[in-house]
C-alpha cells in the first residue's frame, strides 16, 4: 500500500442532499471513478463522514475494497459529536462506516464554527484529486471545490462522467 502518499490519494466532497433524480448516476459514477482512479494508482480515499454524498462515497469505497484490498478508506470527521443530532438509522450506518474504515481522523475534538472548513482543507491538502458532487455555487461543497482549484488539485465532477 502507498500509505499517505498524496499522489495516491483522492478525497470526496459533495452535498448532504443528493437530488433523487441524481442518485442512480451518483452511485454508478462513484463506482466507475473509484475503479478508474485505482487503475491510475490511487489507493487511499478520504471522505468527510457527513450525510449524503460523503456516505455514498464511503460505501462505494468499501465496496471497491472488497475486490481490491489495496484500497483504503479514511474518514475525516470534523468533530467527535458530528452525528449527535442524526436519526438512529443514520447513526447506525455512520458507525458501521467508521468501524469498517482503515483510518478515522478527528480534525477537531468539539464542534466549532470552523471545524467543517478545517476538515475540508485537511482532505484537499492530503489529496491529488477531488471527486465532487456539486450542483450549486454556494455552501461547503463549493468552498471545497474552489479551495481545491486554488491548490491545483484535479477536480472530477461525478455528474460529468
Protein backbone atom coordinates (compact mmCIF):
# COMPACT_ATOMS: atom_id res chain seq x y z
CA UNK A 1 0.00 0.00 0.00
CA UNK A 2 1.15 3.54 -0.72
CA UNK A 3 0.35 4.83 2.77
CA UNK A 4 -0.47 8.51 2.86
CA UNK A 5 1.21 9.37 -0.44
CA UNK A 6 -0.62 12.46 -1.72
CA UNK A 7 -0.24 11.29 -5.33
CA UNK A 8 -2.11 8.08 -4.49
CA UNK A 9 -4.86 9.85 -2.50
CA UNK A 10 -8.26 11.14 -3.58
CA UNK A 11 -10.94 12.83 -1.48
CA UNK A 12 -14.65 13.38 -1.98
CA UNK A 13 -16.80 16.45 -1.45
CA UNK A 14 -20.50 16.83 -2.11
CA UNK A 15 -23.85 17.97 -0.89
CA UNK A 16 -25.64 16.39 2.04
CA UNK A 17 -28.79 16.14 -0.03
CA UNK A 18 -28.48 14.25 -3.30
CA UNK A 19 -31.25 15.06 -5.75
CA UNK A 20 -33.43 11.95 -6.16
CA UNK A 21 -33.03 12.09 -9.94
CA UNK A 22 -29.23 12.06 -9.47
CA UNK A 23 -28.93 9.14 -7.03
CA UNK A 24 -28.60 6.29 -9.55
CA UNK A 25 -25.99 8.22 -11.57
CA UNK A 26 -24.09 9.18 -8.41
CA UNK A 27 -23.83 5.57 -7.28
CA UNK A 28 -22.95 4.25 -10.75
CA UNK A 29 -20.40 7.01 -11.38
CA UNK A 30 -18.78 6.64 -7.96
CA UNK A 31 -18.08 3.01 -8.76
CA UNK A 32 -16.66 3.96 -12.16
CA UNK A 33 -14.44 6.78 -10.91
CA UNK A 34 -13.05 4.76 -8.00
CA UNK A 35 -12.17 1.95 -10.40
CA UNK A 36 -10.56 4.36 -12.88
CA UNK A 37 -8.58 6.11 -10.12
CA UNK A 38 -7.44 2.74 -8.79
CA UNK A 39 -6.18 1.90 -12.28
CA UNK A 40 -4.22 5.19 -12.22
CA UNK A 41 -2.55 4.23 -8.93
CA UNK A 42 -4.85 5.82 -6.35
CA UNK A 43 -5.12 3.67 -3.24
CA UNK A 44 -6.26 5.96 -0.41
CA UNK A 45 -9.70 7.57 -0.50
CA UNK A 46 -10.82 10.19 2.04
CA UNK A 47 -14.42 11.07 2.77
CA UNK A 48 -15.79 13.62 5.21
CA UNK A 49 -18.19 11.34 7.05
CA UNK A 50 -21.24 13.57 6.57
CA UNK A 51 -24.67 12.57 5.35
CA UNK A 52 -25.46 12.40 1.65
CA UNK A 53 -22.56 12.29 -0.81
CA UNK A 54 -19.92 11.54 1.85
CA UNK A 55 -21.87 8.47 2.93
CA UNK A 56 -22.40 7.29 -0.66
CA UNK A 57 -18.69 7.77 -1.40
CA UNK A 58 -17.66 5.83 1.72
CA UNK A 59 -19.98 2.95 0.85
CA UNK A 60 -18.63 2.88 -2.73
CA UNK A 61 -15.02 2.79 -1.49
CA UNK A 62 -15.81 -0.02 0.95
CA UNK A 63 -17.49 -1.99 -1.85
CA UNK A 64 -14.48 -1.42 -4.15
CA UNK A 65 -12.16 -2.55 -1.36
CA UNK A 66 -13.92 -5.95 -1.38
CA UNK A 67 -12.41 -6.53 -4.83
CA UNK A 68 -9.21 -4.50 -4.45
CA UNK A 69 -7.81 -4.99 -0.91
CA UNK A 70 -5.11 -2.35 -1.55
CA UNK A 71 -7.81 0.33 -1.37
CA UNK A 72 -8.07 2.14 1.95
CA UNK A 73 -10.79 4.39 3.33
CA UNK A 74 -10.00 7.30 5.60
CA UNK A 75 -12.93 9.11 7.20
CA UNK A 76 -12.06 12.70 8.14
CA UNK A 77 -14.57 13.73 10.80
CA UNK A 78 -14.95 17.44 11.62
CA UNK A 79 -15.68 16.76 15.32
CA UNK A 80 -16.38 13.79 17.58
CA UNK A 81 -20.10 14.50 18.01
CA UNK A 82 -20.84 15.07 14.32
CA UNK A 83 -23.74 12.59 14.45
CA UNK A 84 -25.26 13.96 17.68
CA UNK A 85 -28.49 15.16 16.03
CA UNK A 86 -28.82 12.42 13.41
CA UNK A 87 -31.59 9.82 13.35
CA UNK A 88 -30.84 6.40 14.85
CA UNK A 89 -30.68 4.67 11.45
CA UNK A 90 -28.25 7.27 10.08
CA UNK A 91 -26.12 6.99 13.22
CA UNK A 92 -26.03 3.20 12.79
CA UNK A 93 -24.83 3.43 9.18
CA UNK A 94 -22.28 6.13 10.12
CA UNK A 95 -20.84 3.99 12.92
CA UNK A 96 -20.69 0.97 10.59
CA UNK A 97 -18.67 3.07 8.10
CA UNK A 98 -16.33 4.26 10.87
CA UNK A 99 -15.86 0.66 12.06
CA UNK A 100 -15.00 -0.54 8.55
CA UNK A 101 -12.73 2.41 7.69
CA UNK A 102 -8.98 1.86 7.66
CA UNK A 103 -8.46 5.18 9.43
CA UNK A 104 -10.62 7.75 11.22
CA UNK A 105 -9.23 11.24 11.73
CA UNK A 106 -10.98 13.68 14.07
CA UNK A 107 -9.97 17.10 12.79
CA UNK A 108 -11.42 18.84 15.88
CA UNK A 109 -12.40 17.37 19.23
CA UNK A 110 -15.52 19.53 19.63
CA UNK A 111 -17.79 21.36 17.26
CA UNK A 112 -16.71 24.90 16.47
CA UNK A 113 -17.71 27.27 13.66
CA UNK A 114 -14.63 26.47 11.58
CA UNK A 115 -14.40 22.70 12.01
CA UNK A 116 -16.15 21.84 8.73
CA UNK A 117 -13.83 24.05 6.67
CA UNK A 118 -10.84 22.70 8.61
CA UNK A 119 -11.95 19.14 7.73
CA UNK A 120 -12.41 20.07 4.07
CA UNK A 121 -8.97 21.69 3.85
CA UNK A 122 -7.42 18.65 5.57
CA UNK A 123 -8.91 16.37 2.90
CA UNK A 124 -7.83 18.55 -0.03
CA UNK A 125 -4.37 19.18 1.38
CA UNK A 126 -3.73 15.44 1.54
CA UNK A 127 -5.10 14.59 -1.91
CA UNK A 128 -4.03 14.86 -5.54
CA UNK A 129 -7.60 14.56 -6.83
CA UNK A 130 -11.04 15.62 -5.59
CA UNK A 131 -14.23 13.89 -6.69
CA UNK A 132 -17.18 16.27 -6.30
CA UNK A 133 -20.95 16.17 -6.45
CA UNK A 134 -21.77 19.83 -6.89
CA UNK A 135 -24.92 21.42 -8.28
CA UNK A 136 -24.92 24.90 -6.74
CA UNK A 137 -22.29 27.64 -6.43
CA UNK A 138 -22.61 28.22 -2.66
CA UNK A 139 -22.01 26.27 0.52
CA UNK A 140 -19.34 23.96 1.87
CA UNK A 141 -19.01 21.88 -1.29
CA UNK A 142 -18.48 24.97 -3.47
CA UNK A 143 -15.95 26.28 -0.93
CA UNK A 144 -14.07 22.98 -1.01
CA UNK A 145 -14.03 22.78 -4.81
CA UNK A 146 -12.77 26.39 -5.05
CA UNK A 147 -10.10 25.68 -2.44
CA UNK A 148 -9.04 22.55 -4.34
CA UNK A 149 -8.84 24.50 -7.60
CA UNK A 150 -6.75 27.21 -5.91
CA UNK A 151 -4.43 24.47 -4.62
CA UNK A 152 -4.05 23.00 -8.11
CA UNK A 153 -5.87 19.75 -7.41
CA UNK A 154 -7.51 17.69 -10.14
CA UNK A 155 -11.30 18.05 -9.89
CA UNK A 156 -13.64 15.32 -11.12
CA UNK A 157 -17.33 16.23 -11.20
CA UNK A 158 -19.18 12.98 -10.56
CA UNK A 159 -22.05 14.09 -12.80
CA UNK A 160 -19.74 14.63 -15.80
CA UNK A 161 -18.55 11.03 -16.04
